Full PDB file with SEQRES, HELIX, SHEET, SSBOND, CRYST1, ORIGX, SCALE, CONECT and MASTER records, all heavy atoms in Angstrom:
SEQRES   1 A   38  ARG GLN ALA PHE GLU PHE TRP ILE ALA VAL SER PRO ASP          
SEQRES   2 A   38  GLY SER ARG CYS THR THR ALA ILE THR ASN ALA ASN ALA          
SEQRES   3 A   38  ILE THR GLU ILE TRP VAL SER ASP ARG GLY ARG VAL              
SHEET    1 AA1 3 ALA A   9  VAL A  10  0                                        
SHEET    2 AA1 3 ARG A  16  THR A  22 -1                                        
SHEET    3 AA1 3 THR A  28  ASP A  34 -1                                        
CRYST1    1.000    1.000    1.000  90.00  90.00  90.00 P 1           1          
ORIGX1      1.000000  0.000000  0.000000        0.00000                         
ORIGX2      0.000000  1.000000  0.000000        0.00000                         
ORIGX3      0.000000  0.000000  1.000000        0.00000                         
SCALE1      1.000000  0.000000  0.000000        0.00000                         
SCALE2      0.000000  1.000000  0.000000        0.00000                         
SCALE3      0.000000  0.000000  1.000000        0.00000                         
ATOM      1  N   ARG A   1       0.851  -1.187   0.032  1.00  0.00           N  
ATOM      2  CA  ARG A   1       0.017  -0.034  -0.017  1.00  0.00           C  
ATOM      3  C   ARG A   1       0.874   1.217  -0.006  1.00  0.00           C  
ATOM      4  O   ARG A   1       1.595   1.525   0.947  1.00  0.00           O  
ATOM      5  CB  ARG A   1      -0.957   0.056   1.134  1.00  0.00           C  
ATOM      6  CG  ARG A   1      -1.855  -1.200   1.280  1.00  0.00           C  
ATOM      7  CD  ARG A   1      -2.907  -1.222   0.179  1.00  0.00           C  
ATOM      8  NE  ARG A   1      -3.926  -2.218   0.346  1.00  0.00           N  
ATOM      9  CZ  ARG A   1      -3.728  -3.486  -0.217  1.00  0.00           C  
ATOM     10  NH1 ARG A   1      -2.676  -3.729  -0.861  1.00  0.00           N  
ATOM     11  NH2 ARG A   1      -4.653  -4.357  -0.045  1.00  0.00           N  
ATOM     12  N   GLN A   2       0.903   1.941  -1.179  1.00  0.00           N  
ATOM     13  CA  GLN A   2       1.845   3.068  -1.285  1.00  0.00           C  
ATOM     14  C   GLN A   2       1.150   4.175  -2.144  1.00  0.00           C  
ATOM     15  O   GLN A   2       0.042   3.970  -2.538  1.00  0.00           O  
ATOM     16  CB  GLN A   2       3.050   2.567  -2.100  1.00  0.00           C  
ATOM     17  CG  GLN A   2       3.942   1.700  -1.249  1.00  0.00           C  
ATOM     18  CD  GLN A   2       4.820   2.329  -0.340  1.00  0.00           C  
ATOM     19  OE1 GLN A   2       4.832   3.673  -0.254  1.00  0.00           O  
ATOM     20  NE2 GLN A   2       5.497   1.647   0.598  1.00  0.00           N  
ATOM     21  N   ALA A   3       1.804   5.252  -2.254  1.00  0.00           N  
ATOM     22  CA  ALA A   3       1.327   6.430  -3.008  1.00  0.00           C  
ATOM     23  C   ALA A   3       1.656   6.110  -4.526  1.00  0.00           C  
ATOM     24  O   ALA A   3       2.211   6.917  -5.196  1.00  0.00           O  
ATOM     25  CB  ALA A   3       1.828   7.710  -2.546  1.00  0.00           C  
ATOM     26  N   PHE A   4       1.181   5.036  -5.079  1.00  0.00           N  
ATOM     27  CA  PHE A   4       1.425   4.770  -6.500  1.00  0.00           C  
ATOM     28  C   PHE A   4       0.775   5.860  -7.408  1.00  0.00           C  
ATOM     29  O   PHE A   4      -0.368   6.218  -7.074  1.00  0.00           O  
ATOM     30  CB  PHE A   4       0.891   3.356  -6.866  1.00  0.00           C  
ATOM     31  CG  PHE A   4       1.576   2.249  -6.025  1.00  0.00           C  
ATOM     32  CD1 PHE A   4       0.786   1.341  -5.269  1.00  0.00           C  
ATOM     33  CD2 PHE A   4       2.970   1.977  -6.057  1.00  0.00           C  
ATOM     34  CE1 PHE A   4       1.335   0.266  -4.557  1.00  0.00           C  
ATOM     35  CE2 PHE A   4       3.535   0.982  -5.400  1.00  0.00           C  
ATOM     36  CZ  PHE A   4       2.734   0.230  -4.604  1.00  0.00           C  
ATOM     37  N   GLU A   5       1.452   6.210  -8.319  1.00  0.00           N  
ATOM     38  CA  GLU A   5       0.835   7.314  -9.250  1.00  0.00           C  
ATOM     39  C   GLU A   5       0.783   6.999 -10.791  1.00  0.00           C  
ATOM     40  O   GLU A   5      -0.280   6.834 -11.246  1.00  0.00           O  
ATOM     41  CB  GLU A   5       1.584   8.580  -9.046  1.00  0.00           C  
ATOM     42  CG  GLU A   5       1.367   9.108  -7.630  1.00  0.00           C  
ATOM     43  CD  GLU A   5       1.521  10.583  -7.455  1.00  0.00           C  
ATOM     44  OE1 GLU A   5       0.522  11.304  -7.976  1.00  0.00           O  
ATOM     45  OE2 GLU A   5       2.516  11.014  -6.940  1.00  0.00           O  
ATOM     46  N   PHE A   6       1.841   6.852 -11.379  1.00  0.00           N  
ATOM     47  CA  PHE A   6       1.835   6.661 -12.819  1.00  0.00           C  
ATOM     48  C   PHE A   6       3.109   6.005 -13.254  1.00  0.00           C  
ATOM     49  O   PHE A   6       3.915   5.474 -12.534  1.00  0.00           O  
ATOM     50  CB  PHE A   6       1.676   7.951 -13.569  1.00  0.00           C  
ATOM     51  CG  PHE A   6       2.433   9.167 -12.837  1.00  0.00           C  
ATOM     52  CD1 PHE A   6       3.719   9.327 -12.902  1.00  0.00           C  
ATOM     53  CD2 PHE A   6       1.684  10.136 -12.183  1.00  0.00           C  
ATOM     54  CE1 PHE A   6       4.407  10.296 -12.217  1.00  0.00           C  
ATOM     55  CE2 PHE A   6       2.323  11.102 -11.508  1.00  0.00           C  
ATOM     56  CZ  PHE A   6       3.681  11.277 -11.445  1.00  0.00           C  
ATOM     57  N   TRP A   7       3.324   5.857 -14.561  1.00  0.00           N  
ATOM     58  CA  TRP A   7       4.439   5.218 -15.255  1.00  0.00           C  
ATOM     59  C   TRP A   7       4.558   3.764 -14.805  1.00  0.00           C  
ATOM     60  O   TRP A   7       5.546   3.140 -14.464  1.00  0.00           O  
ATOM     61  CB  TRP A   7       5.658   6.012 -14.999  1.00  0.00           C  
ATOM     62  CG  TRP A   7       5.727   7.244 -15.797  1.00  0.00           C  
ATOM     63  CD1 TRP A   7       5.240   7.489 -17.059  1.00  0.00           C  
ATOM     64  CD2 TRP A   7       6.092   8.484 -15.306  1.00  0.00           C  
ATOM     65  NE1 TRP A   7       5.381   8.722 -17.441  1.00  0.00           N  
ATOM     66  CE2 TRP A   7       5.863   9.481 -16.322  1.00  0.00           C  
ATOM     67  CE3 TRP A   7       6.667   8.952 -14.146  1.00  0.00           C  
ATOM     68  CZ2 TRP A   7       6.278  10.801 -16.304  1.00  0.00           C  
ATOM     69  CZ3 TRP A   7       6.969  10.335 -13.990  1.00  0.00           C  
ATOM     70  CH2 TRP A   7       6.716  11.204 -15.077  1.00  0.00           C  
ATOM     71  N   ILE A   8       3.399   3.061 -14.758  1.00  0.00           N  
ATOM     72  CA  ILE A   8       3.397   1.606 -14.439  1.00  0.00           C  
ATOM     73  C   ILE A   8       3.884   0.949 -15.658  1.00  0.00           C  
ATOM     74  O   ILE A   8       3.432   1.154 -16.815  1.00  0.00           O  
ATOM     75  CB  ILE A   8       1.920   1.201 -14.183  1.00  0.00           C  
ATOM     76  CG1 ILE A   8       1.315   1.898 -13.030  1.00  0.00           C  
ATOM     77  CG2 ILE A   8       1.904  -0.330 -13.918  1.00  0.00           C  
ATOM     78  CD1 ILE A   8       2.152   1.856 -11.711  1.00  0.00           C  
ATOM     79  N   ALA A   9       4.917   0.061 -15.534  1.00  0.00           N  
ATOM     80  CA  ALA A   9       5.399  -0.638 -16.661  1.00  0.00           C  
ATOM     81  C   ALA A   9       5.803  -1.982 -16.295  1.00  0.00           C  
ATOM     82  O   ALA A   9       6.647  -2.182 -15.311  1.00  0.00           O  
ATOM     83  CB  ALA A   9       6.685   0.100 -17.287  1.00  0.00           C  
ATOM     84  N   VAL A  10       5.269  -3.005 -16.963  1.00  0.00           N  
ATOM     85  CA  VAL A  10       5.487  -4.428 -16.605  1.00  0.00           C  
ATOM     86  C   VAL A  10       6.745  -4.938 -17.272  1.00  0.00           C  
ATOM     87  O   VAL A  10       7.041  -4.665 -18.427  1.00  0.00           O  
ATOM     88  CB  VAL A  10       4.203  -5.292 -16.977  1.00  0.00           C  
ATOM     89  CG1 VAL A  10       4.473  -6.864 -16.700  1.00  0.00           C  
ATOM     90  CG2 VAL A  10       2.994  -4.831 -16.296  1.00  0.00           C  
ATOM     91  N   SER A  11       7.572  -5.819 -16.559  1.00  0.00           N  
ATOM     92  CA  SER A  11       8.741  -6.315 -17.227  1.00  0.00           C  
ATOM     93  C   SER A  11       8.244  -7.325 -18.284  1.00  0.00           C  
ATOM     94  O   SER A  11       7.155  -7.854 -18.256  1.00  0.00           O  
ATOM     95  CB  SER A  11       9.567  -6.979 -16.104  1.00  0.00           C  
ATOM     96  OG  SER A  11       8.827  -8.199 -15.495  1.00  0.00           O  
ATOM     97  N   PRO A  12       9.166  -7.674 -19.138  1.00  0.00           N  
ATOM     98  CA  PRO A  12       8.764  -8.602 -20.247  1.00  0.00           C  
ATOM     99  C   PRO A  12       8.185  -9.823 -19.780  1.00  0.00           C  
ATOM    100  O   PRO A  12       7.353 -10.532 -20.432  1.00  0.00           O  
ATOM    101  CB  PRO A  12      10.121  -8.677 -21.060  1.00  0.00           C  
ATOM    102  CG  PRO A  12      10.792  -7.508 -20.797  1.00  0.00           C  
ATOM    103  CD  PRO A  12      10.474  -7.062 -19.320  1.00  0.00           C  
ATOM    104  N   ASP A  13       8.744 -10.477 -18.664  1.00  0.00           N  
ATOM    105  CA  ASP A  13       8.251 -11.697 -18.170  1.00  0.00           C  
ATOM    106  C   ASP A  13       7.075 -11.674 -17.253  1.00  0.00           C  
ATOM    107  O   ASP A  13       6.550 -12.594 -16.765  1.00  0.00           O  
ATOM    108  CB  ASP A  13       9.376 -12.510 -17.540  1.00  0.00           C  
ATOM    109  CG  ASP A  13       9.914 -11.840 -16.266  1.00  0.00           C  
ATOM    110  OD1 ASP A  13       9.389 -10.803 -15.920  1.00  0.00           O  
ATOM    111  OD2 ASP A  13      10.844 -12.471 -15.627  1.00  0.00           O  
ATOM    112  N   GLY A  14       6.618 -10.426 -16.839  1.00  0.00           N  
ATOM    113  CA  GLY A  14       5.454 -10.194 -16.052  1.00  0.00           C  
ATOM    114  C   GLY A  14       5.676 -10.345 -14.612  1.00  0.00           C  
ATOM    115  O   GLY A  14       4.765 -10.415 -13.853  1.00  0.00           O  
ATOM    116  N   SER A  15       6.951 -10.503 -14.139  1.00  0.00           N  
ATOM    117  CA  SER A  15       7.254 -10.803 -12.724  1.00  0.00           C  
ATOM    118  C   SER A  15       7.439  -9.589 -11.928  1.00  0.00           C  
ATOM    119  O   SER A  15       7.455  -9.535 -10.696  1.00  0.00           O  
ATOM    120  CB  SER A  15       8.476 -11.735 -12.681  1.00  0.00           C  
ATOM    121  OG  SER A  15       9.606 -11.028 -13.030  1.00  0.00           O  
ATOM    122  N   ARG A  16       7.781  -8.449 -12.572  1.00  0.00           N  
ATOM    123  CA  ARG A  16       8.056  -7.138 -11.876  1.00  0.00           C  
ATOM    124  C   ARG A  16       7.464  -6.016 -12.616  1.00  0.00           C  
ATOM    125  O   ARG A  16       6.990  -6.046 -13.849  1.00  0.00           O  
ATOM    126  CB  ARG A  16       9.647  -6.945 -11.880  1.00  0.00           C  
ATOM    127  CG  ARG A  16      10.474  -7.868 -11.080  1.00  0.00           C  
ATOM    128  CD  ARG A  16      11.834  -7.851 -11.321  1.00  0.00           C  
ATOM    129  NE  ARG A  16      12.154  -8.311 -12.686  1.00  0.00           N  
ATOM    130  CZ  ARG A  16      13.323  -8.074 -13.372  1.00  0.00           C  
ATOM    131  NH1 ARG A  16      14.304  -7.441 -12.771  1.00  0.00           N  
ATOM    132  NH2 ARG A  16      13.438  -8.424 -14.615  1.00  0.00           N  
ATOM    133  N   CYS A  17       7.294  -4.961 -11.970  1.00  0.00           N  
ATOM    134  CA  CYS A  17       6.885  -3.662 -12.667  1.00  0.00           C  
ATOM    135  C   CYS A  17       7.534  -2.493 -12.021  1.00  0.00           C  
ATOM    136  O   CYS A  17       7.961  -2.595 -10.794  1.00  0.00           O  
ATOM    137  CB  CYS A  17       5.298  -3.592 -12.528  1.00  0.00           C  
ATOM    138  SG  CYS A  17       4.675  -3.061 -10.892  1.00  0.00           S  
ATOM    139  N   THR A  18       7.523  -1.481 -12.770  1.00  0.00           N  
ATOM    140  CA  THR A  18       8.004  -0.116 -12.212  1.00  0.00           C  
ATOM    141  C   THR A  18       6.708   0.778 -11.894  1.00  0.00           C  
ATOM    142  O   THR A  18       5.669   0.578 -12.541  1.00  0.00           O  
ATOM    143  CB  THR A  18       8.841   0.572 -13.190  1.00  0.00           C  
ATOM    144  OG1 THR A  18       8.186   0.845 -14.383  1.00  0.00           O  
ATOM    145  CG2 THR A  18      10.087  -0.127 -13.465  1.00  0.00           C  
ATOM    146  N   THR A  19       6.986   1.625 -10.904  1.00  0.00           N  
ATOM    147  CA  THR A  19       5.913   2.588 -10.581  1.00  0.00           C  
ATOM    148  C   THR A  19       6.517   3.833 -10.050  1.00  0.00           C  
ATOM    149  O   THR A  19       7.600   3.779  -9.463  1.00  0.00           O  
ATOM    150  CB  THR A  19       4.940   1.969  -9.594  1.00  0.00           C  
ATOM    151  OG1 THR A  19       4.010   3.001  -9.171  1.00  0.00           O  
ATOM    152  CG2 THR A  19       5.691   1.486  -8.364  1.00  0.00           C  
ATOM    153  N   ALA A  20       5.918   4.958 -10.283  1.00  0.00           N  
ATOM    154  CA  ALA A  20       6.441   6.229  -9.784  1.00  0.00           C  
ATOM    155  C   ALA A  20       5.768   6.546  -8.427  1.00  0.00           C  
ATOM    156  O   ALA A  20       4.610   6.462  -8.283  1.00  0.00           O  
ATOM    157  CB  ALA A  20       6.091   7.321 -10.760  1.00  0.00           C  
ATOM    158  N   ILE A  21       6.512   6.977  -7.499  1.00  0.00           N  
ATOM    159  CA  ILE A  21       6.147   7.424  -6.205  1.00  0.00           C  
ATOM    160  C   ILE A  21       6.766   8.678  -5.889  1.00  0.00           C  
ATOM    161  O   ILE A  21       7.976   8.897  -6.082  1.00  0.00           O  
ATOM    162  CB  ILE A  21       6.441   6.394  -5.105  1.00  0.00           C  
ATOM    163  CG1 ILE A  21       5.718   5.031  -5.317  1.00  0.00           C  
ATOM    164  CG2 ILE A  21       6.105   6.963  -3.695  1.00  0.00           C  
ATOM    165  CD1 ILE A  21       6.119   3.936  -4.295  1.00  0.00           C  
ATOM    166  N   THR A  22       5.897   9.696  -5.506  1.00  0.00           N  
ATOM    167  CA  THR A  22       6.385  11.013  -5.154  1.00  0.00           C  
ATOM    168  C   THR A  22       6.741  11.115  -3.675  1.00  0.00           C  
ATOM    169  O   THR A  22       5.850  10.801  -2.872  1.00  0.00           O  
ATOM    170  CB  THR A  22       5.399  12.107  -5.466  1.00  0.00           C  
ATOM    171  OG1 THR A  22       5.084  12.018  -6.942  1.00  0.00           O  
ATOM    172  CG2 THR A  22       5.939  13.523  -5.268  1.00  0.00           C  
ATOM    173  N   ASN A  23       8.011  11.451  -3.347  1.00  0.00           N  
ATOM    174  CA  ASN A  23       8.414  11.414  -1.963  1.00  0.00           C  
ATOM    175  C   ASN A  23       7.988  12.741  -1.262  1.00  0.00           C  
ATOM    176  O   ASN A  23       7.263  13.623  -1.834  1.00  0.00           O  
ATOM    177  CB  ASN A  23       9.901  11.218  -1.785  1.00  0.00           C  
ATOM    178  CG  ASN A  23      10.835  12.366  -2.280  1.00  0.00           C  
ATOM    179  OD1 ASN A  23      10.291  13.457  -2.379  1.00  0.00           O  
ATOM    180  ND2 ASN A  23      12.023  12.079  -2.681  1.00  0.00           N  
ATOM    181  N   ALA A  24       8.306  12.833   0.073  1.00  0.00           N  
ATOM    182  CA  ALA A  24       7.800  14.014   0.866  1.00  0.00           C  
ATOM    183  C   ALA A  24       8.400  15.346   0.359  1.00  0.00           C  
ATOM    184  O   ALA A  24       7.833  16.353   0.730  1.00  0.00           O  
ATOM    185  CB  ALA A  24       8.216  13.828   2.283  1.00  0.00           C  
ATOM    186  N   ASN A  25       9.397  15.262  -0.459  1.00  0.00           N  
ATOM    187  CA  ASN A  25      10.011  16.594  -0.939  1.00  0.00           C  
ATOM    188  C   ASN A  25       9.477  16.811  -2.367  1.00  0.00           C  
ATOM    189  O   ASN A  25      10.082  17.659  -3.067  1.00  0.00           O  
ATOM    190  CB  ASN A  25      11.550  16.461  -0.888  1.00  0.00           C  
ATOM    191  CG  ASN A  25      12.142  16.377   0.419  1.00  0.00           C  
ATOM    192  OD1 ASN A  25      11.596  17.078   1.341  1.00  0.00           O  
ATOM    193  ND2 ASN A  25      13.126  15.537   0.624  1.00  0.00           N  
ATOM    194  N   ALA A  26       8.460  16.150  -2.684  1.00  0.00           N  
ATOM    195  CA  ALA A  26       7.764  16.310  -4.049  1.00  0.00           C  
ATOM    196  C   ALA A  26       8.692  15.925  -5.242  1.00  0.00           C  
ATOM    197  O   ALA A  26       8.566  16.458  -6.350  1.00  0.00           O  
ATOM    198  CB  ALA A  26       7.302  17.765  -4.258  1.00  0.00           C  
ATOM    199  N   ILE A  27       9.543  14.940  -4.961  1.00  0.00           N  
ATOM    200  CA  ILE A  27      10.390  14.443  -5.966  1.00  0.00           C  
ATOM    201  C   ILE A  27       9.865  13.055  -6.521  1.00  0.00           C  
ATOM    202  O   ILE A  27       9.592  12.127  -5.680  1.00  0.00           O  
ATOM    203  CB  ILE A  27      11.921  14.234  -5.443  1.00  0.00           C  
ATOM    204  CG1 ILE A  27      12.467  15.658  -5.125  1.00  0.00           C  
ATOM    205  CG2 ILE A  27      12.831  13.599  -6.518  1.00  0.00           C  
ATOM    206  CD1 ILE A  27      12.530  16.622  -6.237  1.00  0.00           C  
ATOM    207  N   THR A  28       9.652  12.949  -7.766  1.00  0.00           N  
ATOM    208  CA  THR A  28       9.178  11.714  -8.255  1.00  0.00           C  
ATOM    209  C   THR A  28      10.307  10.672  -8.467  1.00  0.00           C  
ATOM    210  O   THR A  28      11.271  10.942  -9.185  1.00  0.00           O  
ATOM    211  CB  THR A  28       8.464  11.930  -9.626  1.00  0.00           C  
ATOM    212  OG1 THR A  28       7.447  12.868  -9.371  1.00  0.00           O  
ATOM    213  CG2 THR A  28       7.911  10.627 -10.217  1.00  0.00           C  
ATOM    214  N   GLU A  29      10.115   9.508  -7.976  1.00  0.00           N  
ATOM    215  CA  GLU A  29      11.113   8.365  -7.956  1.00  0.00           C  
ATOM    216  C   GLU A  29      10.572   7.191  -8.632  1.00  0.00           C  
ATOM    217  O   GLU A  29       9.306   7.030  -8.601  1.00  0.00           O  
ATOM    218  CB  GLU A  29      11.610   8.142  -6.525  1.00  0.00           C  
ATOM    219  CG  GLU A  29      12.225   9.191  -5.848  1.00  0.00           C  
ATOM    220  CD  GLU A  29      12.431   8.855  -4.272  1.00  0.00           C  
ATOM    221  OE1 GLU A  29      11.743   8.149  -3.783  1.00  0.00           O  
ATOM    222  OE2 GLU A  29      13.445   9.502  -3.787  1.00  0.00           O  
ATOM    223  N   ILE A  30      11.424   6.319  -9.250  1.00  0.00           N  
ATOM    224  CA  ILE A  30      10.934   5.222  -9.892  1.00  0.00           C  
ATOM    225  C   ILE A  30      11.270   3.993  -8.985  1.00  0.00           C  
ATOM    226  O   ILE A  30      12.466   3.831  -8.529  1.00  0.00           O  
ATOM    227  CB  ILE A  30      11.590   4.870 -11.274  1.00  0.00           C  
ATOM    228  CG1 ILE A  30      11.274   6.085 -12.204  1.00  0.00           C  
ATOM    229  CG2 ILE A  30      11.113   3.529 -11.868  1.00  0.00           C  
ATOM    230  CD1 ILE A  30       9.826   6.238 -12.555  1.00  0.00           C  
ATOM    231  N   TRP A  31      10.264   3.226  -8.565  1.00  0.00           N  
ATOM    232  CA  TRP A  31      10.379   1.964  -7.702  1.00  0.00           C  
ATOM    233  C   TRP A  31      10.135   0.741  -8.530  1.00  0.00           C  
ATOM    234  O   TRP A  31       9.265   0.770  -9.440  1.00  0.00           O  
ATOM    235  CB  TRP A  31       9.533   2.139  -6.513  1.00  0.00           C  
ATOM    236  CG  TRP A  31       9.968   3.278  -5.505  1.00  0.00           C  
ATOM    237  CD1 TRP A  31       9.935   4.542  -5.688  1.00  0.00           C  
ATOM    238  CD2 TRP A  31      10.683   3.112  -4.319  1.00  0.00           C  
ATOM    239  NE1 TRP A  31      10.439   5.260  -4.786  1.00  0.00           N  
ATOM    240  CE2 TRP A  31      10.796   4.364  -3.789  1.00  0.00           C  
ATOM    241  CE3 TRP A  31      11.075   1.919  -3.563  1.00  0.00           C  
ATOM    242  CZ2 TRP A  31      11.518   4.588  -2.580  1.00  0.00           C  
ATOM    243  CZ3 TRP A  31      11.757   2.111  -2.345  1.00  0.00           C  
ATOM    244  CH2 TRP A  31      11.961   3.455  -1.904  1.00  0.00           C  
ATOM    245  N   VAL A  32      10.690  -0.353  -8.137  1.00  0.00           N  
ATOM    246  CA  VAL A  32      10.512  -1.625  -8.734  1.00  0.00           C  
ATOM    247  C   VAL A  32       9.759  -2.552  -7.712  1.00  0.00           C  
ATOM    248  O   VAL A  32      10.079  -2.684  -6.503  1.00  0.00           O  
ATOM    249  CB  VAL A  32      11.764  -2.274  -9.284  1.00  0.00           C  
ATOM    250  CG1 VAL A  32      11.418  -3.673  -9.759  1.00  0.00           C  
ATOM    251  CG2 VAL A  32      12.416  -1.478 -10.183  1.00  0.00           C  
ATOM    252  N   SER A  33       8.641  -3.201  -8.192  1.00  0.00           N  
ATOM    253  CA  SER A  33       7.838  -4.021  -7.313  1.00  0.00           C  
ATOM    254  C   SER A  33       7.889  -5.505  -7.962  1.00  0.00           C  
ATOM    255  O   SER A  33       7.650  -5.612  -9.066  1.00  0.00           O  
ATOM    256  CB  SER A  33       6.382  -3.613  -7.196  1.00  0.00           C  
ATOM    257  OG  SER A  33       5.557  -4.484  -6.615  1.00  0.00           O  
ATOM    258  N   ASP A  34       8.139  -6.480  -7.056  1.00  0.00           N  
ATOM    259  CA  ASP A  34       8.065  -7.871  -7.493  1.00  0.00           C  
ATOM    260  C   ASP A  34       6.670  -8.494  -7.272  1.00  0.00           C  
ATOM    261  O   ASP A  34       6.049  -8.330  -6.194  1.00  0.00           O  
ATOM    262  CB  ASP A  34       9.137  -8.733  -6.663  1.00  0.00           C  
ATOM    263  CG  ASP A  34      10.548  -8.318  -7.086  1.00  0.00           C  
ATOM    264  OD1 ASP A  34      10.945  -8.624  -8.036  1.00  0.00           O  
ATOM    265  OD2 ASP A  34      11.195  -7.714  -6.141  1.00  0.00           O  
ATOM    266  N   ARG A  35       6.185  -9.036  -8.220  1.00  0.00           N  
ATOM    267  CA  ARG A  35       4.819  -9.673  -8.152  1.00  0.00           C  
ATOM    268  C   ARG A  35       4.809 -10.736  -6.980  1.00  0.00           C  
ATOM    269  O   ARG A  35       5.665 -11.602  -6.802  1.00  0.00           O  
ATOM    270  CB  ARG A  35       4.492 -10.316  -9.569  1.00  0.00           C  
ATOM    271  CG  ARG A  35       3.089 -10.965  -9.619  1.00  0.00           C  
ATOM    272  CD  ARG A  35       2.841 -11.391 -11.007  1.00  0.00           C  
ATOM    273  NE  ARG A  35       1.594 -11.944 -11.211  1.00  0.00           N  
ATOM    274  CZ  ARG A  35       1.093 -12.348 -12.416  1.00  0.00           C  
ATOM    275  NH1 ARG A  35       1.860 -12.250 -13.551  1.00  0.00           N  
ATOM    276  NH2 ARG A  35      -0.028 -12.941 -12.565  1.00  0.00           N  
ATOM    277  N   GLY A  36       3.666 -10.574  -6.228  1.00  0.00           N  
ATOM    278  CA  GLY A  36       3.552 -11.490  -5.016  1.00  0.00           C  
ATOM    279  C   GLY A  36       4.385 -11.288  -3.907  1.00  0.00           C  
ATOM    280  O   GLY A  36       4.408 -12.131  -2.951  1.00  0.00           O  
ATOM    281  N   ARG A  37       5.170 -10.174  -3.898  1.00  0.00           N  
ATOM    282  CA  ARG A  37       6.097  -9.956  -2.723  1.00  0.00           C  
ATOM    283  C   ARG A  37       5.961  -8.605  -2.306  1.00  0.00           C  
ATOM    284  O   ARG A  37       6.002  -7.590  -2.956  1.00  0.00           O  
ATOM    285  CB  ARG A  37       7.467 -10.204  -3.298  1.00  0.00           C  
ATOM    286  CG  ARG A  37       8.545  -9.986  -2.213  1.00  0.00           C  
ATOM    287  CD  ARG A  37       9.963 -10.178  -2.819  1.00  0.00           C  
ATOM    288  NE  ARG A  37      11.133 -10.037  -1.897  1.00  0.00           N  
ATOM    289  CZ  ARG A  37      12.296 -10.075  -2.201  1.00  0.00           C  
ATOM    290  NH1 ARG A  37      12.648 -10.362  -3.464  1.00  0.00           N  
ATOM    291  NH2 ARG A  37      13.234  -9.793  -1.354  1.00  0.00           N  
ATOM    292  N   VAL A  38       5.787  -8.448  -1.000  1.00  0.00           N  
ATOM    293  CA  VAL A  38       5.707  -7.069  -0.347  1.00  0.00           C  
ATOM    294  C   VAL A  38       7.022  -6.425  -0.226  1.00  0.00           C  
ATOM    295  O   VAL A  38       7.970  -7.160   0.125  1.00  0.00           O  
ATOM    296  CB  VAL A  38       4.973  -7.177   1.049  1.00  0.00           C  
ATOM    297  CG1 VAL A  38       4.992  -5.863   1.726  1.00  0.00           C  
ATOM    298  CG2 VAL A  38       3.598  -7.707   1.002  1.00  0.00           C  
TER     299      VAL A  38                                                      
MASTER        0    0    0    0    3    0    0    6  298    1    0    3          
END                                                                             
């Protein structure tokens, strides 16, 4: 559960994705999420 916003992109094998999260200083960062893993 995060402040997910945009630039969702799935890896070619579907196991990971990128997502943009804006931090407390209003800076947009790219994070990687693994499917099925917190």
